[in-house]
């Protein structure tokens, strides 16, 4: 989702995403990376 807003907290290892895409698709993309 090119329009996704991504916020990463490296200390807590948390990625917050504001997106219209499904969570499963986002998770799969992170895994594929």
ModelCIF file with pLDDT and N, C-alpha, C, O atoms, coordinates in Angstrom:
data_MODEL
#
_entry.id   MODEL 
#
_entity.id                         1 
_entity.type                       polymer 
_entity.pdbx_number_of_molecules   1 
#
_entity_poly.entity_id                      1 
_entity_poly.type                           'polypeptide(L)' 
_entity_poly.nstd_linkage                   no 
_entity_poly.nstd_monomer                   no 
_entity_poly.pdbx_seq_one_letter_code       
;(UNK)(UNK)(UNK)(UNK)(UNK)(UNK)(UNK)(UNK)(UNK)(UNK)(UNK)(UNK)(UNK)(UNK)(UNK)(UNK)
(UNK)(UNK)(UNK)(UNK)(UNK)(UNK)(UNK)(UNK)(UNK)(UNK)(UNK)(UNK)(UNK)(UNK)(UNK)(UNK)
(UNK)
;
_entity_poly.pdbx_seq_one_letter_code_can   XXXXXXXXXXXXXXXXXXXXXXXXXXXXXXXXX 
_entity_poly.pdbx_strand_id                 A 
#
loop_
_entity_poly_seq.entity_id 
_entity_poly_seq.num 
_entity_poly_seq.mon_id 
_entity_poly_seq.hetero 
1 1  UNK n 
1 2  UNK n 
1 3  UNK n 
1 4  UNK n 
1 5  UNK n 
1 6  UNK n 
1 7  UNK n 
1 8  UNK n 
1 9  UNK n 
1 10 UNK n 
1 11 UNK n 
1 12 UNK n 
1 13 UNK n 
1 14 UNK n 
1 15 UNK n 
1 16 UNK n 
1 17 UNK n 
1 18 UNK n 
1 19 UNK n 
1 20 UNK n 
1 21 UNK n 
1 22 UNK n 
1 23 UNK n 
1 24 UNK n 
1 25 UNK n 
1 26 UNK n 
1 27 UNK n 
1 28 UNK n 
1 29 UNK n 
1 30 UNK n 
1 31 UNK n 
1 32 UNK n 
1 33 UNK n 
#
_struct_asym.id          A 
_struct_asym.entity_id   1 
#
loop_
_ma_qa_metric.id 
_ma_qa_metric.mode 
_ma_qa_metric.name 
_ma_qa_metric.software_group_id 
_ma_qa_metric.type 
1 global pLDDT . pLDDT 
2 local  pLDDT . pLDDT 
#
_ma_qa_metric_global.metric_id      1 
_ma_qa_metric_global.metric_value   96.48 
_ma_qa_metric_global.model_id       1 
_ma_qa_metric_global.ordinal_id     1 
#
loop_
_ma_qa_metric_local.label_asym_id 
_ma_qa_metric_local.label_comp_id 
_ma_qa_metric_local.label_seq_id 
_ma_qa_metric_local.metric_id 
_ma_qa_metric_local.metric_value 
_ma_qa_metric_local.model_id 
_ma_qa_metric_local.ordinal_id 
A UNK 1  2 97.00 1 1  
A UNK 2  2 97.00 1 2  
A UNK 3  2 97.00 1 3  
A UNK 4  2 97.00 1 4  
A UNK 5  2 98.00 1 5  
A UNK 6  2 98.00 1 6  
A UNK 7  2 97.00 1 7  
A UNK 8  2 96.00 1 8  
A UNK 9  2 96.00 1 9  
A UNK 10 2 95.00 1 10 
A UNK 11 2 95.00 1 11 
A UNK 12 2 96.00 1 12 
A UNK 13 2 96.00 1 13 
A UNK 14 2 96.00 1 14 
A UNK 15 2 97.00 1 15 
A UNK 16 2 97.00 1 16 
A UNK 17 2 97.00 1 17 
A UNK 18 2 97.00 1 18 
A UNK 19 2 96.00 1 19 
A UNK 20 2 95.00 1 20 
A UNK 21 2 96.00 1 21 
A UNK 22 2 96.00 1 22 
A UNK 23 2 95.00 1 23 
A UNK 24 2 95.00 1 24 
A UNK 25 2 96.00 1 25 
A UNK 26 2 97.00 1 26 
A UNK 27 2 96.00 1 27 
A UNK 28 2 97.00 1 28 
A UNK 29 2 98.00 1 29 
A UNK 30 2 97.00 1 30 
A UNK 31 2 97.00 1 31 
A UNK 32 2 97.00 1 32 
A UNK 33 2 97.00 1 33 
#
loop_
_atom_site.group_PDB 
_atom_site.id 
_atom_site.type_symbol 
_atom_site.label_atom_id 
_atom_site.label_alt_id 
_atom_site.label_comp_id 
_atom_site.label_asym_id 
_atom_site.label_entity_id 
_atom_site.label_seq_id 
_atom_site.pdbx_PDB_ins_code 
_atom_site.Cartn_x 
_atom_site.Cartn_y 
_atom_site.Cartn_z 
_atom_site.occupancy 
_atom_site.B_iso_or_equiv 
_atom_site.pdbx_formal_charge 
_atom_site.auth_seq_id 
_atom_site.auth_comp_id 
_atom_site.auth_asym_id 
_atom_site.auth_atom_id 
_atom_site.pdbx_PDB_model_num 
ATOM 1   N N  . UNK A 1 1  ? 0.862  -1.191  0.000  1.00 97.00 ? 1  UNK A N  1 
ATOM 2   C CA . UNK A 1 1  ? 0.000  0.000   0.000  1.00 97.00 ? 1  UNK A CA 1 
ATOM 3   C C  . UNK A 1 1  ? 0.893  1.234   0.000  1.00 97.00 ? 1  UNK A C  1 
ATOM 4   O O  . UNK A 1 1  ? 1.379  1.636   1.057  1.00 97.00 ? 1  UNK A O  1 
ATOM 5   N N  . UNK A 1 2  ? 1.120  1.840   -1.156 1.00 97.00 ? 2  UNK A N  1 
ATOM 6   C CA . UNK A 1 2  ? 2.003  3.001   -1.245 1.00 97.00 ? 2  UNK A CA 1 
ATOM 7   C C  . UNK A 1 2  ? 1.566  4.182   -0.376 1.00 97.00 ? 2  UNK A C  1 
ATOM 8   O O  . UNK A 1 2  ? 2.383  5.036   -0.030 1.00 97.00 ? 2  UNK A O  1 
ATOM 9   N N  . UNK A 1 3  ? 0.282  4.230   -0.023 1.00 97.00 ? 3  UNK A N  1 
ATOM 10  C CA . UNK A 1 3  ? -0.224 5.328   0.801  1.00 97.00 ? 3  UNK A CA 1 
ATOM 11  C C  . UNK A 1 3  ? -0.163 5.019   2.300  1.00 97.00 ? 3  UNK A C  1 
ATOM 12  O O  . UNK A 1 3  ? -0.566 5.846   3.119  1.00 97.00 ? 3  UNK A O  1 
ATOM 13  N N  . UNK A 1 4  ? 0.335  3.842   2.659  1.00 97.00 ? 4  UNK A N  1 
ATOM 14  C CA . UNK A 1 4  ? 0.379  3.447   4.072  1.00 97.00 ? 4  UNK A CA 1 
ATOM 15  C C  . UNK A 1 4  ? 1.275  4.383   4.871  1.00 97.00 ? 4  UNK A C  1 
ATOM 16  O O  . UNK A 1 4  ? 2.322  4.826   4.400  1.00 97.00 ? 4  UNK A O  1 
ATOM 17  N N  . UNK A 1 5  ? 0.839  4.669   6.084  1.00 98.00 ? 5  UNK A N  1 
ATOM 18  C CA . UNK A 1 5  ? 1.662  5.425   7.031  1.00 98.00 ? 5  UNK A CA 1 
ATOM 19  C C  . UNK A 1 5  ? 2.271  4.412   7.986  1.00 98.00 ? 5  UNK A C  1 
ATOM 20  O O  . UNK A 1 5  ? 1.560  3.631   8.619  1.00 98.00 ? 5  UNK A O  1 
ATOM 21  N N  . UNK A 1 6  ? 3.599  4.431   8.083  1.00 98.00 ? 6  UNK A N  1 
ATOM 22  C CA . UNK A 1 6  ? 4.315  3.435   8.877  1.00 98.00 ? 6  UNK A CA 1 
ATOM 23  C C  . UNK A 1 6  ? 5.105  4.145   9.970  1.00 98.00 ? 6  UNK A C  1 
ATOM 24  O O  . UNK A 1 6  ? 5.854  5.083   9.697  1.00 98.00 ? 6  UNK A O  1 
ATOM 25  N N  . UNK A 1 7  ? 4.933  3.691   11.206 1.00 97.00 ? 7  UNK A N  1 
ATOM 26  C CA . UNK A 1 7  ? 5.705  4.211   12.332 1.00 97.00 ? 7  UNK A CA 1 
ATOM 27  C C  . UNK A 1 7  ? 6.393  3.025   12.997 1.00 97.00 ? 7  UNK A C  1 
ATOM 28  O O  . UNK A 1 7  ? 5.747  2.040   13.353 1.00 97.00 ? 7  UNK A O  1 
ATOM 29  N N  . UNK A 1 8  ? 7.709  3.129   13.162 1.00 96.00 ? 8  UNK A N  1 
ATOM 30  C CA . UNK A 1 8  ? 8.486  2.033   13.740 1.00 96.00 ? 8  UNK A CA 1 
ATOM 31  C C  . UNK A 1 8  ? 9.161  2.505   15.014 1.00 96.00 ? 8  UNK A C  1 
ATOM 32  O O  . UNK A 1 8  ? 9.805  3.554   15.037 1.00 96.00 ? 8  UNK A O  1 
ATOM 33  N N  . UNK A 1 9  ? 9.008  1.719   16.079 1.00 96.00 ? 9  UNK A N  1 
ATOM 34  C CA . UNK A 1 9  ? 9.732  1.959   17.316 1.00 96.00 ? 9  UNK A CA 1 
ATOM 35  C C  . UNK A 1 9  ? 10.775 0.859   17.423 1.00 96.00 ? 9  UNK A C  1 
ATOM 36  O O  . UNK A 1 9  ? 10.462 -0.284  17.757 1.00 96.00 ? 9  UNK A O  1 
ATOM 37  N N  . UNK A 1 10 ? 12.012 1.220   17.136 1.00 95.00 ? 10 UNK A N  1 
ATOM 38  C CA . UNK A 1 10 ? 13.086 0.227   17.114 1.00 95.00 ? 10 UNK A CA 1 
ATOM 39  C C  . UNK A 1 10 ? 13.368 -0.332  18.505 1.00 95.00 ? 10 UNK A C  1 
ATOM 40  O O  . UNK A 1 10 ? 13.777 -1.487  18.629 1.00 95.00 ? 10 UNK A O  1 
ATOM 41  N N  . UNK A 1 11 ? 13.156 0.462   19.550 1.00 95.00 ? 11 UNK A N  1 
ATOM 42  C CA . UNK A 1 11 ? 13.406 -0.009  20.916 1.00 95.00 ? 11 UNK A CA 1 
ATOM 43  C C  . UNK A 1 11 ? 12.448 -1.122  21.326 1.00 95.00 ? 11 UNK A C  1 
ATOM 44  O O  . UNK A 1 11 ? 12.852 -2.097  21.960 1.00 95.00 ? 11 UNK A O  1 
ATOM 45  N N  . UNK A 1 12 ? 11.167 -0.969  20.956 1.00 96.00 ? 12 UNK A N  1 
ATOM 46  C CA . UNK A 1 12 ? 10.171 -1.971  21.338 1.00 96.00 ? 12 UNK A CA 1 
ATOM 47  C C  . UNK A 1 12 ? 9.896  -2.983  20.235 1.00 96.00 ? 12 UNK A C  1 
ATOM 48  O O  . UNK A 1 12 ? 9.160  -3.949  20.438 1.00 96.00 ? 12 UNK A O  1 
ATOM 49  N N  . UNK A 1 13 ? 10.503 -2.753  19.044 1.00 96.00 ? 13 UNK A N  1 
ATOM 50  C CA . UNK A 1 13 ? 10.342 -3.638  17.888 1.00 96.00 ? 13 UNK A CA 1 
ATOM 51  C C  . UNK A 1 13 ? 8.903  -3.662  17.370 1.00 96.00 ? 13 UNK A C  1 
ATOM 52  O O  . UNK A 1 13 ? 8.457  -4.660  16.803 1.00 96.00 ? 13 UNK A O  1 
ATOM 53  N N  . UNK A 1 14 ? 8.180  -2.554  17.569 1.00 96.00 ? 14 UNK A N  1 
ATOM 54  C CA . UNK A 1 14 ? 6.779  -2.460  17.153 1.00 96.00 ? 14 UNK A CA 1 
ATOM 55  C C  . UNK A 1 14 ? 6.669  -1.626  15.885 1.00 96.00 ? 14 UNK A C  1 
ATOM 56  O O  . UNK A 1 14 ? 7.259  -0.552  15.768 1.00 96.00 ? 14 UNK A O  1 
ATOM 57  N N  . UNK A 1 15 ? 5.896  -2.153  14.938 1.00 97.00 ? 15 UNK A N  1 
ATOM 58  C CA . UNK A 1 15 ? 5.596  -1.446  13.693 1.00 97.00 ? 15 UNK A CA 1 
ATOM 59  C C  . UNK A 1 15 ? 4.101  -1.148  13.700 1.00 97.00 ? 15 UNK A C  1 
ATOM 60  O O  . UNK A 1 15 ? 3.282  -2.060  13.810 1.00 97.00 ? 15 UNK A O  1 
ATOM 61  N N  . UNK A 1 16 ? 3.748  0.133   13.583 1.00 97.00 ? 16 UNK A N  1 
ATOM 62  C CA . UNK A 1 16 ? 2.359  0.537   13.511 1.00 97.00 ? 16 UNK A CA 1 
ATOM 63  C C  . UNK A 1 16 ? 2.075  0.997   12.082 1.00 97.00 ? 16 UNK A C  1 
ATOM 64  O O  . UNK A 1 16 ? 2.823  1.793   11.514 1.00 97.00 ? 16 UNK A O  1 
ATOM 65  N N  . UNK A 1 17 ? 0.988  0.486   11.513 1.00 97.00 ? 17 UNK A N  1 
ATOM 66  C CA . UNK A 1 17 ? 0.667  0.776   10.121 1.00 97.00 ? 17 UNK A CA 1 
ATOM 67  C C  . UNK A 1 17 ? -0.766 1.268   10.012 1.00 97.00 ? 17 UNK A C  1 
ATOM 68  O O  . UNK A 1 17 ? -1.696 0.631   10.506 1.00 97.00 ? 17 UNK A O  1 
ATOM 69  N N  . UNK A 1 18 ? -0.931 2.411   9.357  1.00 97.00 ? 18 UNK A N  1 
ATOM 70  C CA . UNK A 1 18 ? -2.251 2.885   8.980  1.00 97.00 ? 18 UNK A CA 1 
ATOM 71  C C  . UNK A 1 18 ? -2.387 2.607   7.497  1.00 97.00 ? 18 UNK A C  1 
ATOM 72  O O  . UNK A 1 18 ? -1.686 3.200   6.677  1.00 97.00 ? 18 UNK A O  1 
ATOM 73  N N  . UNK A 1 19 ? -3.307 1.687   7.149  1.00 96.00 ? 19 UNK A N  1 
ATOM 74  C CA . UNK A 1 19 ? -3.427 1.243   5.769  1.00 96.00 ? 19 UNK A CA 1 
ATOM 75  C C  . UNK A 1 19 ? -4.815 0.674   5.533  1.00 96.00 ? 19 UNK A C  1 
ATOM 76  O O  . UNK A 1 19 ? -5.493 0.226   6.458  1.00 96.00 ? 19 UNK A O  1 
ATOM 77  N N  . UNK A 1 20 ? -5.216 0.703   4.276  1.00 95.00 ? 20 UNK A N  1 
ATOM 78  C CA . UNK A 1 20 ? -6.461 0.046   3.900  1.00 95.00 ? 20 UNK A CA 1 
ATOM 79  C C  . UNK A 1 20 ? -6.224 -1.412  3.527  1.00 95.00 ? 20 UNK A C  1 
ATOM 80  O O  . UNK A 1 20 ? -7.177 -2.163  3.324  1.00 95.00 ? 20 UNK A O  1 
ATOM 81  N N  . UNK A 1 21 ? -4.970 -1.813  3.435  1.00 96.00 ? 21 UNK A N  1 
ATOM 82  C CA . UNK A 1 21 ? -4.636 -3.204  3.099  1.00 96.00 ? 21 UNK A CA 1 
ATOM 83  C C  . UNK A 1 21 ? -4.909 -4.122  4.289  1.00 96.00 ? 21 UNK A C  1 
ATOM 84  O O  . UNK A 1 21 ? -4.901 -3.691  5.442  1.00 96.00 ? 21 UNK A O  1 
ATOM 85  N N  . UNK A 1 22 ? -5.146 -5.374  3.986  1.00 96.00 ? 22 UNK A N  1 
ATOM 86  C CA . UNK A 1 22 ? -5.399 -6.371  5.034  1.00 96.00 ? 22 UNK A CA 1 
ATOM 87  C C  . UNK A 1 22 ? -4.138 -6.616  5.852  1.00 96.00 ? 22 UNK A C  1 
ATOM 88  O O  . UNK A 1 22 ? -3.026 -6.606  5.323  1.00 96.00 ? 22 UNK A O  1 
ATOM 89  N N  . UNK A 1 23 ? -4.326 -6.834  7.140  1.00 95.00 ? 23 UNK A N  1 
ATOM 90  C CA . UNK A 1 23 ? -3.197 -7.091  8.034  1.00 95.00 ? 23 UNK A CA 1 
ATOM 91  C C  . UNK A 1 23 ? -2.394 -8.300  7.577  1.00 95.00 ? 23 UNK A C  1 
ATOM 92  O O  . UNK A 1 23 ? -1.168 -8.311  7.688  1.00 95.00 ? 23 UNK A O  1 
ATOM 93  N N  . UNK A 1 24 ? -3.077 -9.315  7.064  1.00 95.00 ? 24 UNK A N  1 
ATOM 94  C CA . UNK A 1 24 ? -2.382 -10.522 6.603  1.00 95.00 ? 24 UNK A CA 1 
ATOM 95  C C  . UNK A 1 24 ? -1.454 -10.206 5.434  1.00 95.00 ? 24 UNK A C  1 
ATOM 96  O O  . UNK A 1 24 ? -0.354 -10.753 5.348  1.00 95.00 ? 24 UNK A O  1 
ATOM 97  N N  . UNK A 1 25 ? -1.886 -9.333  4.544  1.00 96.00 ? 25 UNK A N  1 
ATOM 98  C CA . UNK A 1 25 ? -1.052 -8.959  3.397  1.00 96.00 ? 25 UNK A CA 1 
ATOM 99  C C  . UNK A 1 25 ? 0.165  -8.164  3.858  1.00 96.00 ? 25 UNK A C  1 
ATOM 100 O O  . UNK A 1 25 ? 1.263  -8.341  3.330  1.00 96.00 ? 25 UNK A O  1 
ATOM 101 N N  . UNK A 1 26 ? -0.027 -7.295  4.833  1.00 97.00 ? 26 UNK A N  1 
ATOM 102 C CA . UNK A 1 26 ? 1.087  -6.503  5.366  1.00 97.00 ? 26 UNK A CA 1 
ATOM 103 C C  . UNK A 1 26 ? 2.083  -7.408  6.083  1.00 97.00 ? 26 UNK A C  1 
ATOM 104 O O  . UNK A 1 26 ? 3.293  -7.274  5.905  1.00 97.00 ? 26 UNK A O  1 
ATOM 105 N N  . UNK A 1 27 ? 1.571  -8.320  6.885  1.00 96.00 ? 27 UNK A N  1 
ATOM 106 C CA . UNK A 1 27 ? 2.428  -9.260  7.606  1.00 96.00 ? 27 UNK A CA 1 
ATOM 107 C C  . UNK A 1 27 ? 3.227  -10.119 6.631  1.00 96.00 ? 27 UNK A C  1 
ATOM 108 O O  . UNK A 1 27 ? 4.419  -10.353 6.835  1.00 96.00 ? 27 UNK A O  1 
ATOM 109 N N  . UNK A 1 28 ? 2.573  -10.585 5.580  1.00 97.00 ? 28 UNK A N  1 
ATOM 110 C CA . UNK A 1 28 ? 3.245  -11.408 4.582  1.00 97.00 ? 28 UNK A CA 1 
ATOM 111 C C  . UNK A 1 28 ? 4.358  -10.619 3.888  1.00 97.00 ? 28 UNK A C  1 
ATOM 112 O O  . UNK A 1 28 ? 5.425  -11.167 3.610  1.00 97.00 ? 28 UNK A O  1 
ATOM 113 N N  . UNK A 1 29 ? 4.120  -9.359  3.613  1.00 98.00 ? 29 UNK A N  1 
ATOM 114 C CA . UNK A 1 29 ? 5.137  -8.524  2.961  1.00 98.00 ? 29 UNK A CA 1 
ATOM 115 C C  . UNK A 1 29 ? 6.356  -8.353  3.856  1.00 98.00 ? 29 UNK A C  1 
ATOM 116 O O  . UNK A 1 29 ? 7.491  -8.397  3.381  1.00 98.00 ? 29 UNK A O  1 
ATOM 117 N N  . UNK A 1 30 ? 6.124  -8.158  5.149  1.00 97.00 ? 30 UNK A N  1 
ATOM 118 C CA . UNK A 1 30 ? 7.231  -8.017  6.100  1.00 97.00 ? 30 UNK A CA 1 
ATOM 119 C C  . UNK A 1 30 ? 8.030  -9.319  6.163  1.00 97.00 ? 30 UNK A C  1 
ATOM 120 O O  . UNK A 1 30 ? 9.261  -9.305  6.178  1.00 97.00 ? 30 UNK A O  1 
ATOM 121 N N  . UNK A 1 31 ? 7.315  -10.437 6.199  1.00 97.00 ? 31 UNK A N  1 
ATOM 122 C CA . UNK A 1 31 ? 7.970  -11.749 6.223  1.00 97.00 ? 31 UNK A CA 1 
ATOM 123 C C  . UNK A 1 31 ? 8.774  -11.985 4.944  1.00 97.00 ? 31 UNK A C  1 
ATOM 124 O O  . UNK A 1 31 ? 9.901  -12.477 4.998  1.00 97.00 ? 31 UNK A O  1 
ATOM 125 N N  . UNK A 1 32 ? 8.196  -11.638 3.804  1.00 97.00 ? 32 UNK A N  1 
ATOM 126 C CA . UNK A 1 32 ? 8.887  -11.829 2.530  1.00 97.00 ? 32 UNK A CA 1 
ATOM 127 C C  . UNK A 1 32 ? 10.135 -10.948 2.431  1.00 97.00 ? 32 UNK A C  1 
ATOM 128 O O  . UNK A 1 32 ? 11.058 -11.259 1.678  1.00 97.00 ? 32 UNK A O  1 
ATOM 129 N N  . UNK A 1 33 ? 10.161 -9.853  3.190  1.00 97.00 ? 33 UNK A N  1 
ATOM 130 C CA . UNK A 1 33 ? 11.335 -8.972  3.202  1.00 97.00 ? 33 UNK A CA 1 
ATOM 131 C C  . UNK A 1 33 ? 12.438 -9.545  4.089  1.00 97.00 ? 33 UNK A C  1 
ATOM 132 O O  . UNK A 1 33 ? 13.502 -8.940  4.220  1.00 97.00 ? 33 UNK A O  1 
#
